[in-house]
PDB file of N, CA and C in Angstrom:
ATOM      1  N   UNK A   1       5.758 255.579  34.444  1.00  0.00           N
ATOM      2  CA  UNK A   1       4.940 255.500  33.240  1.00  0.00           C
ATOM      3  C   UNK A   1       5.272 256.660  32.319  1.00  0.00           C
ATOM      4  N   UNK A   2       5.268 256.359  31.050  1.00  0.00           N
ATOM      5  CA  UNK A   2       5.522 257.368  30.036  1.00  0.00           C
ATOM      6  C   UNK A   2       4.287 257.492  29.149  1.00  0.00           C
ATOM      7  N   UNK A   3       4.091 258.651  28.601  1.00  0.00           N
ATOM      8  CA  UNK A   3       3.001 258.884  27.654  1.00  0.00           C
ATOM      9  C   UNK A   3       3.606 259.089  26.281  1.00  0.00           C
ATOM     10  N   UNK A   4       2.958 258.523  25.276  1.00  0.00           N
ATOM     11  CA  UNK A   4       3.428 258.665  23.913  1.00  0.00           C
ATOM     12  C   UNK A   4       2.329 258.310  22.936  1.00  0.00           C
ATOM     13  N   UNK A   5       2.737 257.940  21.724  1.00  0.00           N
ATOM     14  CA  UNK A   5       1.794 257.661  20.641  1.00  0.00           C
ATOM     15  C   UNK A   5       2.099 256.309  20.025  1.00  0.00           C
ATOM     16  N   UNK A   6       1.034 255.551  19.755  1.00  0.00           N
ATOM     17  CA  UNK A   6       1.136 254.327  18.955  1.00  0.00           C
ATOM     18  C   UNK A   6       0.587 254.672  17.578  1.00  0.00           C
ATOM     19  N   UNK A   7       1.366 254.377  16.535  1.00  0.00           N
ATOM     20  CA  UNK A   7       0.917 254.574  15.150  1.00  0.00           C
ATOM     21  C   UNK A   7       0.734 253.214  14.498  1.00  0.00           C
ATOM     22  N   UNK A   8      -0.405 253.044  13.887  1.00  0.00           N
ATOM     23  CA  UNK A   8      -0.738 251.793  13.213  1.00  0.00           C
ATOM     24  C   UNK A   8      -0.643 251.981  11.700  1.00  0.00           C
ATOM     25  N   UNK A   9      -0.126 250.957  11.013  1.00  0.00           N
ATOM     26  CA  UNK A   9       0.038 251.006   9.569  1.00  0.00           C
ATOM     27  C   UNK A   9      -0.681 249.831   8.920  1.00  0.00           C
ATOM     28  N   UNK A  10      -1.197 250.058   7.721  1.00  0.00           N
ATOM     29  CA  UNK A  10      -1.793 249.029   6.860  1.00  0.00           C
ATOM     30  C   UNK A  10      -2.851 248.217   7.611  1.00  0.00           C
ATOM     31  N   UNK A  11      -2.716 246.886   7.659  1.00  0.00           N
ATOM     32  CA  UNK A  11      -3.724 246.024   8.288  1.00  0.00           C
ATOM     33  C   UNK A  11      -3.903 246.334   9.770  1.00  0.00           C
ATOM     34  N   UNK A  12      -2.853 246.775  10.438  1.00  0.00           N
ATOM     35  CA  UNK A  12      -2.976 247.138  11.856  1.00  0.00           C
ATOM     36  C   UNK A  12      -3.873 248.369  12.009  1.00  0.00           C
ATOM     37  N   UNK A  13      -3.732 249.314  11.102  1.00  0.00           N
ATOM     38  CA  UNK A  13      -4.575 250.514  11.114  1.00  0.00           C
ATOM     39  C   UNK A  13      -6.035 250.134  10.880  1.00  0.00           C
ATOM     40  N   UNK A  14      -6.272 249.257   9.928  1.00  0.00           N
ATOM     41  CA  UNK A  14      -7.638 248.815   9.640  1.00  0.00           C
ATOM     42  C   UNK A  14      -8.239 248.081  10.845  1.00  0.00           C
ATOM     43  N   UNK A  15      -7.453 247.215  11.472  1.00  0.00           N
ATOM     44  CA  UNK A  15      -7.955 246.444  12.616  1.00  0.00           C
ATOM     45  C   UNK A  15      -8.210 247.332  13.827  1.00  0.00           C
ATOM     46  N   UNK A  16      -7.384 248.352  14.024  1.00  0.00           N
ATOM     47  CA  UNK A  16      -7.553 249.267  15.154  1.00  0.00           C
ATOM     48  C   UNK A  16      -8.664 250.282  14.900  1.00  0.00           C
ATOM     49  N   UNK A  17      -8.934 250.545  13.629  1.00  0.00           N
ATOM     50  CA  UNK A  17      -9.939 251.531  13.289  1.00  0.00           C
ATOM     51  C   UNK A  17      -9.455 252.964  13.498  1.00  0.00           C
ATOM     52  N   UNK A  18      -8.142 253.123  13.607  1.00  0.00           N
ATOM     53  CA  UNK A  18      -7.544 254.444  13.794  1.00  0.00           C
ATOM     54  C   UNK A  18      -6.095 254.399  13.332  1.00  0.00           C
ATOM     55  N   UNK A  19      -5.566 255.536  12.953  1.00  0.00           N
ATOM     56  CA  UNK A  19      -4.171 255.607  12.520  1.00  0.00           C
ATOM     57  C   UNK A  19      -3.219 255.721  13.699  1.00  0.00           C
ATOM     58  N   UNK A  20      -3.696 256.327  14.793  1.00  0.00           N
ATOM     59  CA  UNK A  20      -2.833 256.452  15.970  1.00  0.00           C
ATOM     60  C   UNK A  20      -3.672 256.699  17.206  1.00  0.00           C
ATOM     61  N   UNK A  21      -3.067 256.434  18.341  1.00  0.00           N
ATOM     62  CA  UNK A  21      -3.723 256.667  19.628  1.00  0.00           C
ATOM     63  C   UNK A  21      -2.659 256.831  20.699  1.00  0.00           C
ATOM     64  N   UNK A  22      -3.003 257.470  21.795  1.00  0.00           N
ATOM     65  CA  UNK A  22      -2.029 257.667  22.867  1.00  0.00           C
ATOM     66  C   UNK A  22      -1.859 256.401  23.699  1.00  0.00           C
ATOM     67  N   UNK A  23      -0.743 256.312  24.385  1.00  0.00           N
ATOM     68  CA  UNK A  23      -0.542 255.248  25.366  1.00  0.00           C
ATOM     69  C   UNK A  23       0.066 255.869  26.617  1.00  0.00           C
ATOM     70  N   UNK A  24      -0.070 255.145  27.717  1.00  0.00           N
ATOM     71  CA  UNK A  24       0.637 255.442  28.960  1.00  0.00           C
ATOM     72  C   UNK A  24       1.142 254.108  29.468  1.00  0.00           C
ATOM     73  N   UNK A  25       2.444 253.897  29.397  1.00  0.00           N
ATOM     74  CA  UNK A  25       3.033 252.620  29.797  1.00  0.00           C
ATOM     75  C   UNK A  25       4.533 252.796  29.991  1.00  0.00           C
ATOM     76  N   UNK A  26       5.100 251.926  30.788  1.00  0.00           N
ATOM     77  CA  UNK A  26       6.541 251.955  31.033  1.00  0.00           C
ATOM     78  C   UNK A  26       7.307 251.136  30.000  1.00  0.00           C
ATOM     79  N   UNK A  27       6.641 250.126  29.424  1.00  0.00           N
ATOM     80  CA  UNK A  27       7.302 249.237  28.470  1.00  0.00           C
ATOM     81  C   UNK A  27       6.428 249.025  27.244  1.00  0.00           C
ATOM     82  N   UNK A  28       7.035 248.500  26.190  1.00  0.00           N
ATOM     83  CA  UNK A  28       6.280 248.161  24.994  1.00  0.00           C
ATOM     84  C   UNK A  28       5.216 247.123  25.323  1.00  0.00           C
ATOM     85  N   UNK A  29       5.547 246.153  26.147  1.00  0.00           N
ATOM     86  CA  UNK A  29       4.566 245.128  26.533  1.00  0.00           C
ATOM     87  C   UNK A  29       3.345 245.771  27.183  1.00  0.00           C
ATOM     88  N   UNK A  30       3.571 246.735  28.048  1.00  0.00           N
ATOM     89  CA  UNK A  30       2.463 247.419  28.706  1.00  0.00           C
ATOM     90  C   UNK A  30       1.615 248.220  27.737  1.00  0.00           C
ATOM     91  N   UNK A  31       2.256 248.905  26.801  1.00  0.00           N
ATOM     92  CA  UNK A  31       1.519 249.687  25.812  1.00  0.00           C
ATOM     93  C   UNK A  31       0.677 248.778  24.919  1.00  0.00           C
ATOM     94  N   UNK A  32       1.231 247.642  24.517  1.00  0.00           N
ATOM     95  CA  UNK A  32       0.494 246.722  23.656  1.00  0.00           C
ATOM     96  C   UNK A  32      -0.635 246.028  24.411  1.00  0.00           C
ATOM     97  N   UNK A  33      -0.417 245.703  25.682  1.00  0.00           N
ATOM     98  CA  UNK A  33      -1.487 245.097  26.492  1.00  0.00           C
ATOM     99  C   UNK A  33      -2.662 246.059  26.627  1.00  0.00           C
ATOM    100  N   UNK A  34      -2.364 247.331  26.869  1.00  0.00           N
ATOM    101  CA  UNK A  34      -3.425 248.332  26.979  1.00  0.00           C
ATOM    102  C   UNK A  34      -4.154 248.498  25.643  1.00  0.00           C
ATOM    103  N   UNK A  35      -3.420 248.459  24.538  1.00  0.00           N
ATOM    104  CA  UNK A  35      -4.046 248.571  23.217  1.00  0.00           C
ATOM    105  C   UNK A  35      -4.955 247.373  22.959  1.00  0.00           C
ATOM    106  N   UNK A  36      -4.494 246.171  23.318  1.00  0.00           N
ATOM    107  CA  UNK A  36      -5.342 244.976  23.143  1.00  0.00           C
ATOM    108  C   UNK A  36      -6.630 245.116  23.953  1.00  0.00           C
ATOM    109  N   UNK A  37      -6.514 245.620  25.165  1.00  0.00           N
ATOM    110  CA  UNK A  37      -7.685 245.803  26.016  1.00  0.00           C
ATOM    111  C   UNK A  37      -8.637 246.837  25.403  1.00  0.00           C
ATOM    112  N   UNK A  38      -8.084 247.957  24.916  1.00  0.00           N
ATOM    113  CA  UNK A  38      -8.909 249.002  24.295  1.00  0.00           C
ATOM    114  C   UNK A  38      -9.667 248.476  23.086  1.00  0.00           C
ATOM    115  N   UNK A  39      -9.054 247.549  22.355  1.00  0.00           N
ATOM    116  CA  UNK A  39      -9.654 247.040  21.125  1.00  0.00           C
ATOM    117  C   UNK A  39     -10.182 245.611  21.293  1.00  0.00           C
ATOM    118  N   UNK A  40     -10.548 245.263  22.518  1.00  0.00           N
ATOM    119  CA  UNK A  40     -11.028 243.903  22.806  1.00  0.00           C
ATOM    120  C   UNK A  40     -12.256 243.534  21.974  1.00  0.00           C
ATOM    121  N   UNK A  41     -13.045 244.509  21.588  1.00  0.00           N
ATOM    122  CA  UNK A  41     -14.230 244.238  20.773  1.00  0.00           C
ATOM    123  C   UNK A  41     -13.926 244.029  19.302  1.00  0.00           C
ATOM    124  N   UNK A  42     -12.661 244.121  18.929  1.00  0.00           N
ATOM    125  CA  UNK A  42     -12.233 243.939  17.537  1.00  0.00           C
ATOM    126  C   UNK A  42     -11.269 242.758  17.486  1.00  0.00           C
ATOM    127  N   UNK A  43     -11.784 241.527  17.377  1.00  0.00           N
ATOM    128  CA  UNK A  43     -10.922 240.338  17.466  1.00  0.00           C
ATOM    129  C   UNK A  43      -9.793 240.295  16.442  1.00  0.00           C
ATOM    130  N   UNK A  44      -9.969 240.924  15.295  1.00  0.00           N
ATOM    131  CA  UNK A  44      -8.908 240.927  14.281  1.00  0.00           C
ATOM    132  C   UNK A  44      -7.685 241.692  14.775  1.00  0.00           C
ATOM    133  N   UNK A  45      -7.885 242.661  15.652  1.00  0.00           N
ATOM    134  CA  UNK A  45      -6.784 243.479  16.160  1.00  0.00           C
ATOM    135  C   UNK A  45      -5.720 242.608  16.831  1.00  0.00           C
ATOM    136  N   UNK A  46      -6.126 241.738  17.743  1.00  0.00           N
ATOM    137  CA  UNK A  46      -5.169 240.868  18.448  1.00  0.00           C
ATOM    138  C   UNK A  46      -4.462 239.932  17.468  1.00  0.00           C
ATOM    139  N   UNK A  47      -5.190 239.426  16.484  1.00  0.00           N
ATOM    140  CA  UNK A  47      -4.575 238.528  15.486  1.00  0.00           C
ATOM    141  C   UNK A  47      -3.525 239.277  14.662  1.00  0.00           C
ATOM    142  N   UNK A  48      -3.835 240.493  14.254  1.00  0.00           N
ATOM    143  CA  UNK A  48      -2.890 241.274  13.457  1.00  0.00           C
ATOM    144  C   UNK A  48      -1.638 241.593  14.285  1.00  0.00           C
ATOM    145  N   UNK A  49      -1.815 241.991  15.550  1.00  0.00           N
ATOM    146  CA  UNK A  49      -0.662 242.331  16.391  1.00  0.00           C
ATOM    147  C   UNK A  49       0.327 241.182  16.516  1.00  0.00           C
ATOM    148  N   UNK A  50      -0.164 239.948  16.508  1.00  0.00           N
ATOM    149  CA  UNK A  50       0.722 238.780  16.635  1.00  0.00           C
ATOM    150  C   UNK A  50       1.706 238.689  15.476  1.00  0.00           C
ATOM    151  N   UNK A  51       1.365 239.262  14.337  1.00  0.00           N
ATOM    152  CA  UNK A  51       2.215 239.158  13.143  1.00  0.00           C
ATOM    153  C   UNK A  51       3.036 240.412  12.888  1.00  0.00           C
ATOM    154  N   UNK A  52       2.871 241.425  13.725  1.00  0.00           N
ATOM    155  CA  UNK A  52       3.493 242.724  13.467  1.00  0.00           C
ATOM    156  C   UNK A  52       4.934 242.816  13.949  1.00  0.00           C
ATOM    157  N   UNK A  53       5.631 243.762  13.341  1.00  0.00           N
ATOM    158  CA  UNK A  53       6.943 244.217  13.806  1.00  0.00           C
ATOM    159  C   UNK A  53       6.720 245.567  14.465  1.00  0.00           C
ATOM    160  N   UNK A  54       7.657 245.956  15.324  1.00  0.00           N
ATOM    161  CA  UNK A  54       7.501 247.201  16.062  1.00  0.00           C
ATOM    162  C   UNK A  54       8.780 248.024  15.993  1.00  0.00           C
ATOM    163  N   UNK A  55       8.594 249.318  15.893  1.00  0.00           N
ATOM    164  CA  UNK A  55       9.694 250.277  15.985  1.00  0.00           C
ATOM    165  C   UNK A  55       9.383 251.195  17.160  1.00  0.00           C
ATOM    166  N   UNK A  56      10.388 251.548  17.927  1.00  0.00           N
ATOM    167  CA  UNK A  56      10.234 252.557  18.972  1.00  0.00           C
ATOM    168  C   UNK A  56      11.171 253.698  18.610  1.00  0.00           C
ATOM    169  N   UNK A  57      10.574 254.831  18.306  1.00  0.00           N
ATOM    170  CA  UNK A  57      11.342 256.003  17.844  1.00  0.00           C
ATOM    171  C   UNK A  57      12.267 255.649  16.689  1.00  0.00           C
ATOM    172  N   UNK A  58      11.758 254.832  15.762  1.00  0.00           N
ATOM    173  CA  UNK A  58      12.506 254.483  14.562  1.00  0.00           C
ATOM    174  C   UNK A  58      13.472 253.328  14.708  1.00  0.00           C
ATOM    175  N   UNK A  59      13.633 252.799  15.920  1.00  0.00           N
ATOM    176  CA  UNK A  59      14.555 251.688  16.155  1.00  0.00           C
ATOM    177  C   UNK A  59      13.779 250.375  16.195  1.00  0.00           C
ATOM    178  N   UNK A  60      14.143 249.395  15.352  1.00  0.00           N
ATOM    179  CA  UNK A  60      13.439 248.117  15.361  1.00  0.00           C
ATOM    180  C   UNK A  60      13.572 247.399  16.712  1.00  0.00           C
ATOM    181  N   UNK A  61      12.462 246.828  17.157  1.00  0.00           N
ATOM    182  CA  UNK A  61      12.456 246.056  18.398  1.00  0.00           C
ATOM    183  C   UNK A  61      13.032 244.670  18.146  1.00  0.00           C
ATOM    184  N   UNK A  62      12.782 244.135  16.963  1.00  0.00           N
ATOM    185  CA  UNK A  62      13.296 242.808  16.617  1.00  0.00           C
ATOM    186  C   UNK A  62      12.734 241.735  17.526  1.00  0.00           C
ATOM    187  N   UNK A  63      13.599 240.848  17.973  1.00  0.00           N
ATOM    188  CA  UNK A  63      13.156 239.710  18.782  1.00  0.00           C
ATOM    189  C   UNK A  63      13.241 239.978  20.283  1.00  0.00           C
ATOM    190  N   UNK A  64      13.574 241.206  20.664  1.00  0.00           N
ATOM    191  CA  UNK A  64      13.657 241.519  22.096  1.00  0.00           C
ATOM    192  C   UNK A  64      12.315 241.293  22.780  1.00  0.00           C
ATOM    193  N   UNK A  65      12.372 240.847  24.015  1.00  0.00           N
ATOM    194  CA  UNK A  65      11.182 240.701  24.838  1.00  0.00           C
ATOM    195  C   UNK A  65      10.547 242.078  24.997  1.00  0.00           C
ATOM    196  N   UNK A  66       9.274 242.193  24.683  1.00  0.00           N
ATOM    197  CA  UNK A  66       8.602 243.492  24.742  1.00  0.00           C
ATOM    198  C   UNK A  66       8.590 244.074  26.152  1.00  0.00           C
ATOM    199  N   UNK A  67       8.659 243.226  27.159  1.00  0.00           N
ATOM    200  CA  UNK A  67       8.713 243.706  28.543  1.00  0.00           C
ATOM    201  C   UNK A  67      10.054 244.370  28.849  1.00  0.00           C
ATOM    202  N   UNK A  68      11.066 244.108  28.038  1.00  0.00           N
ATOM    203  CA  UNK A  68      12.384 244.697  28.277  1.00  0.00           C
ATOM    204  C   UNK A  68      12.611 245.989  27.478  1.00  0.00           C
ATOM    205  N   UNK A  69      11.631 246.359  26.655  1.00  0.00           N
ATOM    206  CA  UNK A  69      11.753 247.558  25.831  1.00  0.00           C
ATOM    207  C   UNK A  69      11.102 248.722  26.575  1.00  0.00           C
ATOM    208  N   UNK A  70      11.930 249.541  27.204  1.00  0.00           N
ATOM    209  CA  UNK A  70      11.436 250.682  27.979  1.00  0.00           C
ATOM    210  C   UNK A  70      10.972 251.794  27.051  1.00  0.00           C
ATOM    211  N   UNK A  71       9.896 252.438  27.436  1.00  0.00           N
ATOM    212  CA  UNK A  71       9.374 253.583  26.700  1.00  0.00           C
ATOM    213  C   UNK A  71       9.627 254.845  27.508  1.00  0.00           C
ATOM    214  N   UNK A  72      10.026 255.902  26.835  1.00  0.00           N
ATOM    215  CA  UNK A  72      10.271 257.177  27.507  1.00  0.00           C
ATOM    216  C   UNK A  72       9.168 258.161  27.125  1.00  0.00           C
ATOM    217  N   UNK A  73       9.073 259.217  27.866  1.00  0.00           N
ATOM    218  CA  UNK A  73       8.063 260.245  27.624  1.00  0.00           C
ATOM    219  C   UNK A  73       8.167 260.743  26.182  1.00  0.00           C
ATOM    220  N   UNK A  74       7.023 260.710  25.484  1.00  0.00           N
ATOM    221  CA  UNK A  74       6.958 261.212  24.118  1.00  0.00           C
ATOM    222  C   UNK A  74       7.377 260.220  23.048  1.00  0.00           C
ATOM    223  N   UNK A  75       7.686 258.993  23.419  1.00  0.00           N
ATOM    224  CA  UNK A  75       8.121 257.995  22.430  1.00  0.00           C
ATOM    225  C   UNK A  75       6.979 257.646  21.473  1.00  0.00           C
ATOM    226  N   UNK A  76       7.366 257.254  20.255  1.00  0.00           N
ATOM    227  CA  UNK A  76       6.410 256.798  19.249  1.00  0.00           C
ATOM    228  C   UNK A  76       6.665 255.330  18.962  1.00  0.00           C
ATOM    229  N   UNK A  77       5.606 254.543  19.065  1.00  0.00           N
ATOM    230  CA  UNK A  77       5.646 253.116  18.737  1.00  0.00           C
ATOM    231  C   UNK A  77       4.964 252.952  17.387  1.00  0.00           C
ATOM    232  N   UNK A  78       5.680 252.388  16.420  1.00  0.00           N
ATOM    233  CA  UNK A  78       5.124 252.109  15.095  1.00  0.00           C
ATOM    234  C   UNK A  78       4.775 250.629  15.037  1.00  0.00           C
ATOM    235  N   UNK A  79       3.561 250.322  14.588  1.00  0.00           N
ATOM    236  CA  UNK A  79       3.076 248.950  14.483  1.00  0.00           C
ATOM    237  C   UNK A  79       2.989 248.616  13.003  1.00  0.00           C
ATOM    238  N   UNK A  80       3.873 247.712  12.556  1.00  0.00           N
ATOM    239  CA  UNK A  80       4.015 247.399  11.136  1.00  0.00           C
ATOM    240  C   UNK A  80       3.666 245.947  10.840  1.00  0.00           C
ATOM    241  N   UNK A  81       2.541 245.698  10.193  1.00  0.00           N
ATOM    242  CA  UNK A  81       2.233 244.331   9.796  1.00  0.00           C
ATOM    243  C   UNK A  81       3.143 243.898   8.655  1.00  0.00           C
ATOM    244  N   UNK A  82       3.245 242.585   8.417  1.00  0.00           N
ATOM    245  CA  UNK A  82       4.053 242.141   7.277  1.00  0.00           C
ATOM    246  C   UNK A  82       3.467 242.719   5.989  1.00  0.00           C
ATOM    247  N   UNK A  83       4.329 243.178   5.104  1.00  0.00           N
ATOM    248  CA  UNK A  83       3.889 243.742   3.836  1.00  0.00           C
ATOM    249  C   UNK A  83       4.079 242.717   2.735  1.00  0.00           C
ATOM    250  N   UNK A  84       3.226 242.757   1.727  1.00  0.00           N
ATOM    251  CA  UNK A  84       3.331 241.832   0.601  1.00  0.00           C
ATOM    252  C   UNK A  84       4.717 241.936  -0.023  1.00  0.00           C
ATOM    253  N   UNK A  85       5.350 240.803  -0.211  1.00  0.00           N
ATOM    254  CA  UNK A  85       6.651 240.766  -0.845  1.00  0.00           C
ATOM    255  C   UNK A  85       7.803 241.090   0.082  1.00  0.00           C
ATOM    256  N   UNK A  86       7.487 241.452   1.316  1.00  0.00           N
ATOM    257  CA  UNK A  86       8.552 241.798   2.276  1.00  0.00           C
ATOM    258  C   UNK A  86       8.891 240.657   3.187  1.00  0.00           C
ATOM    259  N   UNK A  87      10.042 240.766   3.814  1.00  0.00           N
ATOM    260  CA  UNK A  87      10.452 239.751   4.798  1.00  0.00           C
ATOM    261  C   UNK A  87       9.741 240.005   6.095  1.00  0.00           C
ATOM    262  N   UNK A  88       9.565 238.999   6.866  1.00  0.00           N
ATOM    263  CA  UNK A  88       8.905 239.113   8.150  1.00  0.00           C
ATOM    264  C   UNK A  88       9.845 239.393   9.240  1.00  0.00           C
TER     265      UNK A  88
END
């Protein structure tokens, strides 16, 4: 397991009710599952995450399976919802 930070932007930040929070997980899938559990009382959070793109230390995750994206100690996960006028 690695510890790091999840940063939320725009609608993801609003749905999470915070700009960032820590995670402890071995993979992106694990970090996102824990975040969904933490924010289970905020149904919009799960809906927003379904539409988001993710960066790990500045590298786009793209279409890779989140379970295959390993996280290392101190990594930063950026959660980016689609922006107006931008590509998805």
